[in-house]
N, C-alpha and C. Protein backbone atom coordinates (compact mmCIF):
# COMPACT_ATOMS: atom_id res chain seq x y z
N PRO A 1 108.93 83.22 105.23
CA PRO A 1 109.49 84.08 105.84
C PRO A 1 109.70 85.74 105.24
N VAL A 2 109.58 86.43 105.68
CA VAL A 2 109.52 87.80 105.19
C VAL A 2 111.07 88.57 106.13
N ASP A 3 111.99 89.14 105.54
CA ASP A 3 112.75 89.45 106.54
C ASP A 3 112.08 90.80 106.92
N ALA A 4 112.60 91.07 108.26
CA ALA A 4 111.96 92.57 108.89
C ALA A 4 112.55 93.79 108.43
N GLN A 5 111.82 94.69 107.71
CA GLN A 5 112.12 96.25 107.09
C GLN A 5 111.25 96.71 107.71
N LYS A 6 111.93 98.19 107.29
CA LYS A 6 111.49 99.27 107.61
C LYS A 6 111.48 100.42 106.63
N SER A 7 109.98 101.18 105.99
CA SER A 7 110.19 101.66 105.54
C SER A 7 109.78 103.11 105.69
N THR A 8 110.33 103.83 105.00
CA THR A 8 110.03 105.22 105.09
C THR A 8 109.24 106.11 103.90
N VAL A 9 108.04 106.77 103.60
CA VAL A 9 108.16 107.19 102.85
C VAL A 9 107.93 108.71 102.91
N VAL A 10 108.50 109.67 102.21
CA VAL A 10 108.71 111.29 102.52
C VAL A 10 107.77 111.24 101.11
N PHE A 11 107.08 112.64 100.84
CA PHE A 11 106.17 113.20 99.43
C PHE A 11 105.44 113.97 100.09
N GLU A 12 105.11 115.58 99.37
CA GLU A 12 104.41 116.10 99.08
C GLU A 12 102.79 115.76 98.42
N LEU A 13 101.98 115.76 98.95
CA LEU A 13 100.81 115.84 98.21
C LEU A 13 100.10 117.64 98.37
N HIS A 14 99.76 117.62 96.93
CA HIS A 14 99.12 118.75 96.03
C HIS A 14 97.91 118.07 95.31
N VAL A 15 96.66 118.91 95.51
CA VAL A 15 95.10 118.25 94.90
C VAL A 15 94.66 119.51 93.75
N ALA A 16 94.07 118.99 93.03
CA ALA A 16 93.55 119.76 91.72
C ALA A 16 91.97 120.18 92.04
N VAL A 17 92.10 121.64 92.38
CA VAL A 17 90.76 121.83 92.13
C VAL A 17 90.16 123.35 91.37
N ALA A 18 88.95 123.27 90.78
CA ALA A 18 88.76 123.83 90.44
C ALA A 18 88.96 125.24 90.68
N GLY A 19 89.02 126.65 90.02
CA GLY A 19 89.04 127.48 90.60
C GLY A 19 87.39 128.18 91.29
N GLU A 20 86.48 128.22 90.78
CA GLU A 20 85.06 128.19 91.61
C GLU A 20 85.33 127.87 92.86
N ASN A 21 85.86 126.25 92.85
CA ASN A 21 85.76 125.61 94.31
C ASN A 21 86.55 125.60 95.78
N TYR A 22 87.88 126.71 95.18
CA TYR A 22 89.25 127.24 95.35
C TYR A 22 88.96 127.76 96.92
N ALA A 23 88.24 128.48 96.92
CA ALA A 23 87.29 129.72 98.58
C ALA A 23 87.35 127.83 99.55
N VAL A 24 86.27 127.53 99.05
CA VAL A 24 85.28 126.58 99.33
C VAL A 24 86.11 125.48 100.01
N MET A 25 86.99 124.86 99.07
CA MET A 25 87.84 124.09 99.53
C MET A 25 89.00 124.02 100.72
N GLN A 26 89.65 125.46 100.66
CA GLN A 26 90.69 125.93 101.60
C GLN A 26 89.82 125.71 102.68
N ARG A 27 88.24 126.41 102.79
CA ARG A 27 88.23 126.08 104.55
C ARG A 27 87.60 125.21 104.86
N LEU A 28 87.60 123.70 104.11
CA LEU A 28 87.21 122.52 104.70
C LEU A 28 88.57 122.31 104.73
N ALA A 29 90.00 122.61 103.87
CA ALA A 29 91.21 122.00 104.23
C ALA A 29 91.56 122.11 105.68
N GLU A 30 91.66 123.81 105.53
CA GLU A 30 91.98 124.02 107.26
C GLU A 30 91.26 123.65 108.07
N ALA A 31 89.43 123.69 108.52
CA ALA A 31 88.59 123.17 109.39
C ALA A 31 88.80 121.82 109.45
N HIS A 32 89.73 120.58 108.94
CA HIS A 32 89.79 119.14 108.74
C HIS A 32 90.98 119.04 108.35
N GLU A 33 92.01 119.76 108.81
CA GLU A 33 93.32 119.83 108.68
C GLU A 33 94.12 118.23 108.65
N HIS A 34 93.89 118.54 110.54
CA HIS A 34 94.28 116.63 111.09
C HIS A 34 93.31 115.55 110.92
N LYS A 35 91.68 115.61 110.44
CA LYS A 35 90.79 115.08 109.76
C LYS A 35 91.94 114.07 108.60
N LEU A 36 92.09 114.91 107.50
CA LEU A 36 92.54 114.77 106.25
C LEU A 36 93.98 114.31 105.89
N ARG A 37 94.95 115.31 107.19
CA ARG A 37 96.60 114.42 107.38
C ARG A 37 96.19 112.97 107.88
N ASP A 38 95.38 112.68 108.64
CA ASP A 38 95.18 111.34 109.08
C ASP A 38 94.92 110.22 107.81
N GLN A 39 94.22 110.43 107.39
CA GLN A 39 93.69 110.04 105.83
C GLN A 39 94.60 109.96 104.96
N VAL A 40 95.44 110.72 104.77
CA VAL A 40 97.05 110.53 103.62
C VAL A 40 98.02 108.99 104.83
N ILE A 41 98.12 109.82 105.85
CA ILE A 41 98.60 108.77 106.56
C ILE A 41 98.31 107.64 106.71
N THR A 42 97.28 107.10 106.35
CA THR A 42 96.59 105.73 106.85
C THR A 42 97.08 104.97 105.45
N ALA A 43 96.28 105.95 103.88
CA ALA A 43 96.90 105.50 102.60
C ALA A 43 98.03 104.98 102.68
N THR A 44 98.89 105.21 103.60
CA THR A 44 100.35 105.32 103.25
C THR A 44 100.58 104.31 104.16
N ARG A 45 100.06 104.34 105.21
CA ARG A 45 100.37 102.96 105.81
C ARG A 45 100.29 101.34 105.51
N MET A 46 98.88 101.75 104.99
CA MET A 46 97.97 100.32 104.54
C MET A 46 98.34 99.97 102.97
N SER A 47 99.33 100.85 102.25
CA SER A 47 99.64 100.23 100.95
C SER A 47 100.94 99.32 100.98
N PRO A 48 101.12 98.15 100.24
CA PRO A 48 102.00 97.59 99.57
C PRO A 48 103.10 98.03 99.20
N LEU A 49 104.39 97.79 99.71
CA LEU A 49 105.23 98.14 99.45
C LEU A 49 105.35 97.87 97.46
N ALA A 50 105.32 97.09 97.27
CA ALA A 50 105.19 97.34 95.07
C ALA A 50 103.91 98.70 94.77
N ILE A 51 103.57 99.07 95.43
CA ILE A 51 102.57 100.10 94.93
C ILE A 51 103.30 101.35 94.66
N PHE A 52 104.43 101.39 95.29
CA PHE A 52 105.37 102.55 95.58
C PHE A 52 106.18 102.35 94.30
N ASP A 53 106.42 101.17 93.38
CA ASP A 53 107.16 100.98 91.94
C ASP A 53 106.77 101.58 90.85
N GLU A 54 105.37 101.79 91.07
CA GLU A 54 104.86 102.74 89.79
C GLU A 54 105.20 103.64 89.59
N PRO A 55 105.52 103.80 88.23
CA PRO A 55 106.03 105.11 87.87
C PRO A 55 105.29 106.27 88.54
N ASP A 56 104.17 106.52 87.94
CA ASP A 56 103.34 107.26 88.27
C ASP A 56 102.36 107.95 89.64
N LEU A 57 102.54 106.05 90.45
CA LEU A 57 102.32 106.33 91.85
C LEU A 57 100.71 106.59 91.67
N GLN A 58 99.95 105.88 90.52
CA GLN A 58 98.70 106.09 90.44
C GLN A 58 97.81 105.69 91.13
N SER A 59 98.59 104.26 91.52
CA SER A 59 97.30 103.25 92.65
C SER A 59 97.04 104.34 94.06
N PHE A 60 98.53 104.41 93.97
CA PHE A 60 98.47 104.72 96.22
C PHE A 60 97.70 106.52 95.49
N ARG A 61 98.11 107.00 94.58
CA ARG A 61 97.43 108.46 94.81
C ARG A 61 95.74 107.95 94.34
N ARG A 62 95.22 107.45 93.54
CA ARG A 62 93.83 106.72 93.96
C ARG A 62 93.15 106.21 95.22
N ARG A 63 93.93 105.18 95.95
CA ARG A 63 94.10 105.67 97.27
C ARG A 63 93.52 106.72 98.00
N ILE A 64 94.62 107.69 98.29
CA ILE A 64 94.81 108.82 98.98
C ILE A 64 93.46 109.24 98.89
N TYR A 65 93.17 109.51 97.03
CA TYR A 65 91.80 110.20 96.75
C TYR A 65 90.82 109.61 97.08
N LEU A 66 90.46 108.12 97.72
CA LEU A 66 89.41 107.91 97.84
C LEU A 66 89.09 107.50 99.50
N ARG A 67 89.94 107.82 99.98
CA ARG A 67 90.39 108.16 101.97
C ARG A 67 89.43 109.50 102.05
N LEU A 68 90.46 110.45 101.21
CA LEU A 68 89.61 111.69 101.05
C LEU A 68 87.98 111.74 100.90
N ARG A 69 87.43 111.64 99.79
CA ARG A 69 86.68 111.70 99.08
C ARG A 69 85.78 110.76 100.08
N ARG A 70 85.93 109.60 100.81
CA ARG A 70 85.14 109.24 102.26
C ARG A 70 85.00 110.16 103.61
N ALA A 71 86.09 110.31 103.48
CA ALA A 71 86.00 111.21 105.40
C ALA A 71 85.18 112.68 104.94
N LEU A 72 85.48 113.07 103.82
CA LEU A 72 84.95 114.16 103.49
C LEU A 72 84.28 113.65 102.45
N PRO A 73 82.91 113.79 101.93
CA PRO A 73 82.38 113.69 100.82
C PRO A 73 82.42 114.81 100.57
N GLN A 74 82.12 116.27 100.65
CA GLN A 74 82.03 117.42 100.35
C GLN A 74 82.98 118.03 99.54
N LEU A 75 84.44 117.18 100.11
CA LEU A 75 85.33 118.08 99.14
C LEU A 75 85.40 117.68 97.30
N VAL A 76 85.83 118.86 96.66
CA VAL A 76 85.43 118.84 95.69
C VAL A 76 86.93 118.81 94.70
N ILE A 77 87.51 117.56 94.98
CA ILE A 77 88.79 117.29 94.00
C ILE A 77 88.92 116.78 92.88
N GLY A 78 90.14 117.33 92.24
CA GLY A 78 89.23 117.36 90.44
C GLY A 78 90.46 115.59 90.42
N ASP A 79 91.49 115.98 91.10
CA ASP A 79 92.96 115.28 91.17
C ASP A 79 93.90 115.17 92.08
N VAL A 80 94.76 113.89 92.67
CA VAL A 80 95.60 114.25 93.81
C VAL A 80 97.44 113.95 93.28
N TYR A 81 98.08 114.48 92.99
CA TYR A 81 99.54 114.86 93.06
C TYR A 81 100.69 114.49 93.93
N VAL A 82 101.31 113.43 93.49
CA VAL A 82 102.61 113.31 94.56
C VAL A 82 103.85 113.86 94.36
N SER A 83 104.63 114.78 94.81
CA SER A 83 105.80 114.83 94.66
C SER A 83 107.29 114.63 95.24
N GLU A 84 108.03 115.08 94.81
CA GLU A 84 109.10 115.18 96.08
C GLU A 84 108.92 113.47 97.09
N PHE A 85 109.17 112.37 96.30
CA PHE A 85 108.44 111.15 96.54
C PHE A 85 109.64 110.58 96.41
N GLN A 86 109.96 110.41 98.01
CA GLN A 86 111.24 109.01 98.18
C GLN A 86 110.93 107.86 99.06
N LEU A 87 111.07 107.02 98.79
CA LEU A 87 111.28 106.06 99.62
C LEU A 87 113.04 105.16 100.01
N THR A 88 112.55 104.91 101.12
CA THR A 88 113.79 104.46 101.54
C THR A 88 113.11 102.89 102.94
N VAL A 89 113.82 101.84 102.55
CA VAL A 89 113.55 100.26 102.58
C VAL A 89 114.48 100.06 103.64
N LYS A 90 114.72 99.80 104.92
CA LYS A 90 116.27 99.36 105.75
C LYS A 90 115.55 97.88 105.93
N SER A 91 116.22 96.50 106.14
CA SER A 91 116.05 95.86 106.84
C SER A 91 117.04 96.05 108.05
N LEU A 92 116.19 95.11 108.42
CA LEU A 92 116.19 95.24 110.57
C LEU A 92 117.69 93.72 110.58
């Protein structure tokens, strides 16, 4: 049995884009903002708590990258970066 827990994850997400693709990426991001946001939220909610223990959050960043690429294959993302990361876990 596992104790009931509530976890809260807060972070800022940044993506690396080549300079020549910046304008296209910006238009795509603005046009599909809600879809991209939903994919990031889904990736976060589906991630086990252990994944947030990695120092560089590589697995978590990879999950987000893959979801974004599947949702919009025309995205030209080089990499995904997470900053201002905070994890709070409370037992209920």
